[in-house]
Every structure is written in structure tokens, then in C-alpha cells.
Protein backbone atom coordinates (compact mmCIF):
# COMPACT_ATOMS: atom_id res chain seq x y z
CA UNK A 1 61.97 -83.27 42.21
CA UNK A 2 60.94 -82.45 45.70
CA UNK A 3 57.56 -82.84 47.21
CA UNK A 4 56.65 -79.22 46.58
CA UNK A 5 57.13 -79.70 42.87
CA UNK A 6 54.41 -82.26 42.83
CA UNK A 7 51.83 -79.92 44.29
CA UNK A 8 49.38 -78.38 41.82
CA UNK A 9 49.96 -74.70 42.81
CA UNK A 10 51.29 -73.74 39.41
CA UNK A 11 48.62 -75.55 37.47
CA UNK A 12 45.55 -74.48 39.41
CA UNK A 13 46.48 -70.76 39.74
CA UNK A 14 48.45 -69.76 36.62
CA UNK A 15 46.05 -70.91 33.90
CA UNK A 16 42.91 -69.21 35.28
CA UNK A 17 44.79 -65.88 35.61
CA UNK A 18 45.97 -66.06 31.98
CA UNK A 19 42.45 -66.70 30.69
CA UNK A 20 41.04 -63.93 32.87
CA UNK A 21 43.64 -61.46 31.61
CA UNK A 22 42.93 -62.33 28.00
CA UNK A 23 39.20 -61.94 28.63
CA UNK A 24 39.75 -58.59 30.25
CA UNK A 25 41.92 -57.41 27.34
CA UNK A 26 39.25 -58.48 24.84
CA UNK A 27 36.57 -56.58 26.81
CA UNK A 28 38.80 -53.50 26.95
CA UNK A 29 39.46 -53.63 23.19
CA UNK A 30 35.71 -53.97 22.63
CA UNK A 31 35.04 -50.91 24.77
CA UNK A 32 37.74 -48.97 22.95
CA UNK A 33 36.22 -49.87 19.59
CA UNK A 34 32.76 -48.80 20.76
CA UNK A 35 34.15 -45.51 22.04
CA UNK A 36 35.92 -44.95 18.74
CA UNK A 37 32.73 -45.65 16.79
CA UNK A 38 30.67 -43.32 19.03
CA UNK A 39 33.29 -40.57 18.73
CA UNK A 40 33.34 -41.00 14.95
CA UNK A 41 29.53 -40.82 14.77
CA UNK A 42 29.49 -37.70 16.94
CA UNK A 43 32.16 -36.14 14.74
CA UNK A 44 30.04 -36.84 11.66
CA UNK A 45 26.97 -35.31 13.34
CA UNK A 46 28.91 -32.19 14.39
CA UNK A 47 30.51 -31.66 11.01
CA UNK A 48 27.27 -32.52 9.28
CA UNK A 49 25.48 -29.83 11.29
CA UNK A 50 28.18 -27.28 10.54
CA UNK A 51 28.16 -28.20 6.89
CA UNK A 52 24.37 -27.98 6.78
CA UNK A 53 24.47 -24.53 8.36
CA UNK A 54 27.17 -23.45 5.97
CA UNK A 55 25.15 -24.78 3.01
CA UNK A 56 22.01 -23.02 4.27
CA UNK A 57 23.95 -19.76 4.63
CA UNK A 58 25.41 -20.23 1.19
CA UNK A 59 21.95 -20.95 -0.17
CA UNK A 60 20.56 -17.74 1.33
CA UNK A 61 23.49 -15.73 -0.02
CA UNK A 62 23.10 -17.43 -3.38
CA UNK A 63 19.39 -16.54 -3.41
CA UNK A 64 20.28 -12.90 -2.73
CA UNK A 65 23.09 -12.74 -5.23
CA UNK A 66 21.45 -14.74 -7.99
CA UNK A 67 17.78 -13.65 -7.85
CA UNK A 68 16.39 -14.04 -11.34
CA UNK A 69 16.73 -10.76 -13.20
CA UNK A 70 16.41 -9.42 -16.72
CA UNK A 71 19.22 -7.50 -18.39
CA UNK A 72 18.89 -4.16 -20.12
CA UNK A 73 16.22 -1.47 -20.12
CA UNK A 74 13.35 -3.55 -21.47
CA UNK A 75 10.96 -3.05 -24.37
CA UNK A 76 7.34 -2.17 -24.99
CA UNK A 77 5.15 -0.61 -22.30
CA UNK A 78 3.74 -1.69 -18.95
CA UNK A 79 1.53 0.41 -16.68
CA UNK A 80 1.85 -0.28 -12.95
CA UNK A 81 -0.26 1.23 -10.18
CA UNK A 82 1.31 1.92 -6.78
CA UNK A 83 -1.30 2.43 -4.08
CA UNK A 84 -1.09 4.52 -0.94
CA UNK A 85 0.56 2.45 1.79
CA UNK A 86 2.21 -0.06 -0.58
CA UNK A 87 5.50 -1.50 0.69
CA UNK A 88 8.56 -2.22 -1.45
CA UNK A 89 7.47 -5.87 -1.49
CA UNK A 90 3.98 -4.87 -2.71
CA UNK A 91 5.55 -2.81 -5.48
CA UNK A 92 7.93 -5.64 -6.38
CA UNK A 93 5.03 -8.09 -6.68
CA UNK A 94 3.09 -5.66 -8.89
CA UNK A 95 6.13 -5.22 -11.15
CA UNK A 96 6.64 -8.99 -11.39
CA UNK A 97 2.95 -9.52 -12.21
CA UNK A 98 3.22 -6.95 -15.02
CA UNK A 99 6.42 -8.65 -16.33
CA UNK A 100 8.46 -5.53 -15.69
CA UNK A 101 10.98 -7.49 -13.58
CA UNK A 102 11.94 -11.16 -13.72
CA UNK A 103 11.39 -11.68 -9.99
CA UNK A 104 10.10 -9.71 -7.04
CA UNK A 105 13.32 -10.53 -5.16
CA UNK A 106 15.44 -8.84 -7.81
CA UNK A 107 13.53 -5.59 -7.24
CA UNK A 108 13.65 -5.76 -3.42
CA UNK A 109 17.40 -6.41 -3.68
CA UNK A 110 17.77 -3.36 -5.92
CA UNK A 111 15.71 -1.26 -3.50
CA UNK A 112 17.89 -2.34 -0.56
CA UNK A 113 20.98 -1.21 -2.45
CA UNK A 114 19.51 2.15 -3.52
CA UNK A 115 18.89 4.62 -0.65
CA UNK A 116 16.62 6.70 -2.91
CA UNK A 117 14.07 3.87 -2.99
CA UNK A 118 12.44 5.45 0.07
CA UNK A 119 11.24 8.23 -2.27
CA UNK A 120 8.91 5.93 -4.23
CA UNK A 121 5.46 7.53 -4.32
CA UNK A 122 1.91 6.29 -4.98
CA UNK A 123 0.74 6.78 -8.54
CA UNK A 124 0.52 5.24 -11.98
CA UNK A 125 3.85 4.49 -13.66
CA UNK A 126 4.56 3.86 -17.32
CA UNK A 127 7.48 1.43 -17.49
CA UNK A 128 8.79 -1.17 -19.93
CA UNK A 129 8.48 -4.94 -19.92
CA UNK A 130 11.42 -7.17 -18.96
CA UNK A 131 13.64 -4.54 -17.40
CA UNK A 132 16.63 -5.10 -15.17
CA UNK A 133 15.31 -4.51 -11.64
CA UNK A 134 17.74 -1.68 -10.86
CA UNK A 135 16.77 0.03 -14.15
CA UNK A 136 13.07 -0.27 -13.29
CA UNK A 137 13.71 1.34 -9.91
CA UNK A 138 15.69 4.17 -11.48
CA UNK A 139 12.88 4.84 -13.94
CA UNK A 140 10.24 4.84 -11.18
CA UNK A 141 12.27 7.46 -9.31
CA UNK A 142 12.14 9.67 -12.42
CA UNK A 143 9.02 11.91 -12.20
CA UNK A 144 8.51 11.61 -15.95
CA UNK A 145 7.57 7.95 -15.53
CA UNK A 146 4.37 8.82 -13.67
CA UNK A 147 1.66 8.69 -16.31
CA UNK A 148 -0.72 11.09 -14.64
CA UNK A 149 -2.19 14.49 -15.19
CA UNK A 150 -3.33 16.73 -12.40
CA UNK A 151 -5.87 19.47 -11.94
CA UNK A 152 -6.51 22.06 -9.26
CA UNK A 153 -9.90 23.23 -8.04
CA UNK A 154 -9.85 26.36 -5.96
CA UNK A 155 -12.37 27.31 -3.31
CA UNK A 156 -15.53 29.26 -3.97
CA UNK A 157 -16.67 27.60 -7.22
CA UNK A 158 -20.00 25.97 -7.98
CA UNK A 159 -20.46 22.66 -9.80
CA UNK A 160 -21.38 24.60 -12.95
CA UNK A 161 -18.02 26.37 -12.79
CA UNK A 162 -15.97 23.35 -11.68
CA UNK A 163 -16.89 20.89 -14.45
CA UNK A 164 -15.52 22.99 -17.36
CA UNK A 165 -12.30 23.60 -15.41
CA UNK A 166 -11.73 19.87 -14.89
CA UNK A 167 -12.50 19.22 -18.56
CA UNK A 168 -9.99 21.85 -19.67
CA UNK A 169 -7.21 20.55 -17.42
CA UNK A 170 -7.72 16.86 -18.19
CA UNK A 171 -8.70 16.99 -21.84
CA UNK A 172 -11.90 15.01 -21.15
CA UNK A 173 -15.00 16.54 -22.82
CA UNK A 174 -17.13 18.60 -20.44
CA UNK A 175 -20.20 16.76 -21.75
CA UNK A 176 -18.89 13.57 -20.11
CA UNK A 177 -18.60 15.32 -16.75
CA UNK A 178 -22.08 16.79 -17.10
CA UNK A 179 -23.49 13.36 -17.93
CA UNK A 180 -21.74 11.75 -14.93
CA UNK A 181 -22.95 14.53 -12.61
CA UNK A 182 -26.57 13.65 -13.35
CA UNK A 183 -26.26 10.50 -11.22
CA UNK A 184 -24.88 11.58 -7.81
CA UNK A 185 -25.67 8.18 -6.28
CA UNK A 186 -23.31 6.46 -8.73
CA UNK A 187 -20.58 8.90 -7.66
CA UNK A 188 -20.91 8.06 -3.98
CA UNK A 189 -23.05 10.98 -2.77
CA UNK A 190 -24.80 9.68 0.39
CA UNK A 191 -28.52 9.12 0.41
CA UNK A 192 -29.20 11.91 2.92
CA UNK A 193 -27.91 14.48 0.40
CA UNK A 194 -29.42 13.21 -2.83
CA UNK A 195 -33.07 14.19 -2.74
CA UNK A 196 -35.89 15.42 -0.59
CA UNK A 197 -39.48 15.62 -1.80
CA UNK A 198 -38.27 15.32 -5.39
CA UNK A 199 -35.80 18.19 -5.07
CA UNK A 200 -32.31 16.84 -5.91
CA UNK A 201 -29.30 18.55 -4.44
CA UNK A 202 -26.87 17.25 -7.09
CA UNK A 203 -23.14 17.55 -6.45
CA UNK A 204 -23.11 21.00 -4.91
CA UNK A 205 -20.89 20.93 -1.85
CA UNK A 206 -19.39 17.53 -2.74
CA UNK A 207 -16.55 18.54 -5.08
CA UNK A 208 -13.90 19.35 -2.53
CA UNK A 209 -11.39 22.07 -3.60
CA UNK A 210 -7.93 20.49 -3.84
CA UNK A 211 -5.29 19.24 -6.25
CA UNK A 212 -6.11 15.86 -7.82
CA UNK A 213 -4.07 13.40 -9.87
CA UNK A 214 -5.63 11.69 -12.88
CA UNK A 215 -4.42 8.24 -13.90
CA UNK A 216 -4.13 7.21 -17.52
CA UNK A 217 -7.33 5.13 -17.44
CA UNK A 218 -9.44 7.61 -15.45
CA UNK A 219 -12.64 9.06 -16.91
CA UNK A 220 -15.23 11.66 -15.89
CA UNK A 221 -17.02 9.27 -13.55
CA UNK A 222 -13.91 8.05 -11.73
CA UNK A 223 -12.63 11.61 -11.32
CA UNK A 224 -15.89 12.92 -9.83
CA UNK A 225 -16.13 9.81 -7.63
CA UNK A 226 -12.67 10.56 -6.22
CA UNK A 227 -13.69 14.15 -5.49
CA UNK A 228 -16.85 13.04 -3.68
CA UNK A 229 -14.83 10.51 -1.66
CA UNK A 230 -12.39 13.26 -0.67
CA UNK A 231 -15.27 15.46 0.47
CA UNK A 232 -16.77 12.69 2.61
CA UNK A 233 -13.37 11.99 4.15
CA UNK A 234 -12.90 15.63 5.14
CA UNK A 235 -16.49 15.86 6.37
CA UNK A 236 -15.80 12.98 8.73
CA UNK A 237 -12.52 14.48 9.92
CA UNK A 238 -14.13 17.89 10.51
CA UNK A 239 -17.21 16.53 12.29
CA UNK A 240 -19.72 17.77 9.71
CA UNK A 241 -22.56 15.56 10.94
CA UNK A 242 -21.99 16.72 14.52
CA UNK A 243 -22.05 20.35 13.33
CA UNK A 244 -25.45 19.74 11.75
CA UNK A 245 -26.74 18.23 14.97
CA UNK A 246 -25.40 21.18 17.00
CA UNK A 247 -27.30 23.56 14.70
CA UNK A 248 -30.45 21.44 14.94
CA UNK A 249 -30.34 20.78 11.19
CA UNK A 250 -30.22 17.64 9.11
CA UNK A 251 -26.92 17.16 7.23
CA UNK A 252 -28.79 17.88 3.99
CA UNK A 253 -30.24 21.13 5.33
CA UNK A 254 -26.82 22.22 6.54
CA UNK A 255 -25.25 21.40 3.18
CA UNK A 256 -27.88 23.43 1.33
CA UNK A 257 -27.73 26.42 3.61
CA UNK A 258 -23.94 26.52 3.55
CA UNK A 259 -23.35 25.70 -0.11
CA UNK A 260 -22.66 29.27 -1.18
CA UNK A 261 -19.10 29.63 0.13
CA UNK A 262 -16.66 32.31 -0.99
CA UNK A 263 -18.22 32.85 -4.36
CA UNK A 264 -16.27 35.20 -6.55
CA UNK A 265 -17.72 38.65 -7.06
CA UNK A 266 -20.00 40.67 -4.79
CA UNK A 267 -21.34 38.66 -1.87
CA UNK A 268 -25.15 38.47 -1.80
CA UNK A 269 -26.89 40.40 0.93
CA UNK A 270 -29.43 38.97 3.34
CA UNK A 271 -32.74 38.71 1.53
CA UNK A 272 -31.18 38.37 -1.95
CA UNK A 273 -32.32 35.56 -4.23
CA UNK A 274 -29.64 33.15 -5.46
CA UNK A 275 -29.86 30.51 -8.19
CA UNK A 276 -27.97 27.41 -7.11
CA UNK A 277 -27.89 23.90 -8.59
CA UNK A 278 -31.08 24.38 -10.53
CA UNK A 279 -33.01 25.86 -7.60
CA UNK A 280 -33.74 29.33 -6.24
CA UNK A 281 -32.75 30.24 -2.69
CA UNK A 282 -32.99 33.27 -0.44
CA UNK A 283 -30.03 34.44 1.68
CA UNK A 284 -31.05 34.48 5.34
CA UNK A 285 -27.77 35.44 7.01
CA UNK A 286 -23.96 35.31 6.82
CA UNK A 287 -21.60 33.41 9.08
CA UNK A 288 -18.63 31.02 9.25
CA UNK A 289 -18.90 28.01 7.00
CA UNK A 290 -19.58 24.60 8.60
CA UNK A 291 -18.39 22.85 5.44
CA UNK A 292 -15.18 20.80 5.40
CA UNK A 293 -11.90 22.68 5.26
CA UNK A 294 -10.94 26.11 6.66
CA UNK A 295 -13.70 28.06 8.36
CA UNK A 296 -14.69 30.45 5.57
CA UNK A 297 -17.45 33.08 5.52
CA UNK A 298 -20.60 31.88 3.74
CA UNK A 299 -24.20 32.78 3.07
CA UNK A 300 -26.88 30.65 4.74
CA UNK A 301 -29.72 29.93 2.31
CA UNK A 302 -33.26 28.67 2.33
CA UNK A 303 -35.20 27.47 -0.68
CA UNK A 304 -37.33 30.33 -1.94
């Protein structure tokens, strides 16, 4: 052994480097494990999100494809009312409430698949309970399912002439219409038209000439109420109240003086006496009608 062999170079330098290397390797393995764990967690999150989205999409498709539905054409009878402005969803809910379909979704699905569903109309429908949704839709598109009657009132008729016509076309006794007509307020006739100094005006001028539909549960009162409502609607659209103001008349005075419109037969001459709505009037002049609807020729009256 020489003197260099006795020096501690090997001992003091080699051992610390080996320990440091092992320590470094352990730290590196620890980092690698942490990275592996993080990557694995991220992979779970990513696949979990994708799986959740796929499950949600499947759930939505399943809801569409498996909406609860009856089978067959149903039994018994169910009457469903479709109102003006109702959407397919509104109709579906009404059908579900009446137990025509098993679920509203089944009907909206059927409507989406049937391009003719856009032809659904307001009205009263006689259907069956517990029908397959597509069968219910098909039946509603058949005009025979609408359980309504209709009647037509032409222009130029008085209340006395109109009531028997409605009775004949609806099958409701004329006595019921006459009884309902005795209470104009209950039918929606506005206060300004009902009476003045104990002289009632009745329904004259408030039964607008048009075609009306009658639902299965309608009666004399509901029919006359609908006619009065139609008259008031057209009056508002045509500016009836403004016309009265322009003529320096109250709405009631204008209604009375213009109530004799296009009566059948020979038109009365100025100065003639006319019996109207239980009162006697004298014809003062002729001119265009200010009443709702087309501008027709009429006789202007004053109470005799």
C-alpha cells in the first residue's frame, strides 16, 4: 500500500454520492407515481363526463321513445275543449287530464311526427278514453269528431225573427231563448244600452249576424252571450263609440236610431211609424249604418 491508499478520498466522497443518488431516485419515483395518479384521476373525470353526457342523451332519447302511451283506439267517451290560441302542448295537457292519452308527451311526440297536426282547430271534440296518442290525433283531425252544431244569422233580422231561427237550427226550444233574452244584463249587454227612463232596449242591435258554433253543453243563455260578445268585439274594432261621439249622440241613442238595418220587405219612408223591440218609433231619415260590420243603408229612428 502506498501513501495515497491511506488517504480517505474514496471513503469521504463515494458514500455520500451513493446516498444522494438513491434519494434522488426515490424522489423521482415518487413524482412519477403522483403524475400517474393525477393522470388516472383526470382520465376518470374525462370519461365520467363523457359517460354522463352519453347517459343524459340516452335518457332524453329514451324519454322521447318510451313516453307512456296507451294502445288501441280506446273505449267510452271523453269530451275535450280546444280553445282559440291553444298550442299542441295545451291540447296534450287537456287530453291527458281527460284520460284520453296516457301522457302529454306521447301526444306531442305524435304531433311532431304527423305534419297534419298543424290543422288542429279550436272546438269541442268527442273522443274516447285511453287512446293511443297517434289514434287520438287522427280522430281529432277527422271533422266528425267535433261535437258541435252551427247556425247562421243573416243581416237585416230583428231579435223577434232571430230567436226562432236559432231555436230551429240548434234544436233548443225557442221559449228558452225568449226567457234568456229578458235579462240583457246577464248576457253581457253594457249598461249604457240596457235602459233609459224605464224604457229597455233589449237585445236589438246586439245579435251580430254571423255563423256560430254551438258546443255540446251550450244552452240558450250561453249562445246569446256569445252573440253579444261578438257584437261588442266588432263595435270596438269599428269604432262604434267614436261614431256616436262624432254624431253628437250617446251610444244608446245611436244604437236605437240605427237598429232598423236592411229589413226585408219594403223599406219604411221618412215619417213612417215602426214597431221595434216593444216600442214605437218614427223614421226620421235614411243613411249609411253606423252599426258594426259593412256600411249598410238604414233608417234612423226616434221614439214616437
